Amino acid sequence: MPRALARPALVALGLAEVGLAAWVISGRRPVDAARAETGLLIAMNGGGLAFSRKHIAAPRALLAENLAFLALVWWTAVSERDAA
């Protein structure tokens, strides 16, 4: 990514994550929120591994942590859906 685009991309990503956090806190449509988080995480991990793998100290650990995170995301989303 060109240096000039790095800051706007990082700000956009931060805003997207804050928006997603607000969505999760609202409790609305938890499965759709889980789908959105899964898509964002796959895109970020895929991009990082494809274009910046040399800057990721422990790629396997990154994937393991994110897999555990997604398991919690989906567990929570399904639990919230079933509780409603």
Protein backbone atom coordinates (compact mmCIF):
# COMPACT_ATOMS: atom_id res chain seq x y z
CA MET A 1 0.00 0.00 0.00
CA PRO A 2 1.40 3.41 -0.84
CA ARG A 3 2.45 5.35 2.25
CA ALA A 4 0.00 8.17 1.44
CA LEU A 5 -2.92 5.72 1.67
CA ALA A 6 -1.81 3.97 4.87
CA ARG A 7 -3.21 6.54 7.31
CA PRO A 8 -6.64 6.87 5.61
CA ALA A 9 -6.87 3.07 5.37
CA LEU A 10 -6.04 2.69 9.05
CA VAL A 11 -8.60 5.33 10.03
CA ALA A 12 -11.25 3.65 7.86
CA LEU A 13 -10.48 0.28 9.43
CA GLY A 14 -10.69 1.78 12.92
CA LEU A 15 -14.04 3.39 12.15
CA ALA A 16 -15.35 0.12 10.74
CA GLU A 17 -14.27 -1.71 13.89
CA VAL A 18 -15.88 0.92 16.14
CA GLY A 19 -19.08 0.65 14.10
CA LEU A 20 -18.99 -3.12 14.41
CA ALA A 21 -18.45 -2.84 18.17
CA ALA A 22 -21.48 -0.54 18.44
CA TRP A 23 -23.50 -3.06 16.44
CA VAL A 24 -22.48 -5.91 18.75
CA ILE A 25 -23.25 -3.87 21.87
CA SER A 26 -26.69 -3.03 20.48
CA GLY A 27 -27.53 -6.75 20.38
CA ARG A 28 -29.30 -6.42 17.03
CA ARG A 29 -28.97 -9.24 14.53
CA PRO A 30 -26.04 -10.97 16.26
CA VAL A 31 -25.52 -13.59 13.55
CA ASP A 32 -25.17 -10.88 10.89
CA ALA A 33 -22.68 -9.08 13.14
CA ALA A 34 -20.71 -12.32 13.49
CA ARG A 35 -20.72 -12.74 9.72
CA ALA A 36 -19.43 -9.19 9.27
CA GLU A 37 -16.66 -9.71 11.84
CA THR A 38 -15.70 -13.01 10.23
CA GLY A 39 -15.47 -11.37 6.81
CA LEU A 40 -13.38 -8.47 8.11
CA LEU A 41 -11.05 -10.78 9.99
CA ILE A 42 -10.56 -13.05 6.98
CA ALA A 43 -9.85 -10.04 4.78
CA MET A 44 -7.37 -8.54 7.25
CA ASN A 45 -5.57 -11.83 7.92
CA GLY A 46 -5.56 -12.74 4.25
CA GLY A 47 -4.18 -9.36 3.26
CA GLY A 48 -1.59 -9.43 6.01
CA LEU A 49 -0.41 -12.92 5.11
CA ALA A 50 -0.45 -12.24 1.37
CA PHE A 51 1.27 -8.86 1.37
CA SER A 52 3.13 -8.48 4.68
CA ARG A 53 3.93 -11.94 5.93
CA LYS A 54 7.53 -10.96 6.64
CA HIS A 55 6.28 -8.40 9.17
CA ILE A 56 4.14 -10.91 11.09
CA ALA A 57 6.31 -12.44 13.80
CA ALA A 58 4.20 -15.56 14.37
CA PRO A 59 1.66 -16.17 11.57
CA ARG A 60 0.46 -19.49 13.00
CA ALA A 61 -0.13 -17.91 16.40
CA LEU A 62 -2.02 -15.05 14.72
CA LEU A 63 -4.29 -17.52 12.95
CA ALA A 64 -4.79 -19.60 16.11
CA GLU A 65 -5.71 -16.51 18.17
CA ASN A 66 -8.13 -15.28 15.53
CA LEU A 67 -9.70 -18.73 15.20
CA ALA A 68 -10.29 -18.78 18.96
CA PHE A 69 -11.70 -15.24 18.76
CA LEU A 70 -14.09 -16.23 15.97
CA ALA A 71 -15.21 -19.28 17.95
CA LEU A 72 -16.20 -16.94 20.80
CA VAL A 73 -17.85 -14.52 18.36
CA TRP A 74 -20.01 -17.27 16.88
CA TRP A 75 -20.77 -18.88 20.23
CA THR A 76 -21.99 -15.54 21.54
CA ALA A 77 -23.94 -14.72 18.38
CA VAL A 78 -25.78 -18.04 18.38
CA SER A 79 -26.42 -17.83 22.14
CA GLU A 80 -27.86 -14.33 21.77
CA ARG A 81 -30.03 -15.42 18.84
CA ASP A 82 -31.36 -18.42 20.74
CA ALA A 83 -32.04 -16.32 23.87
CA ALA A 84 -34.23 -13.87 21.92
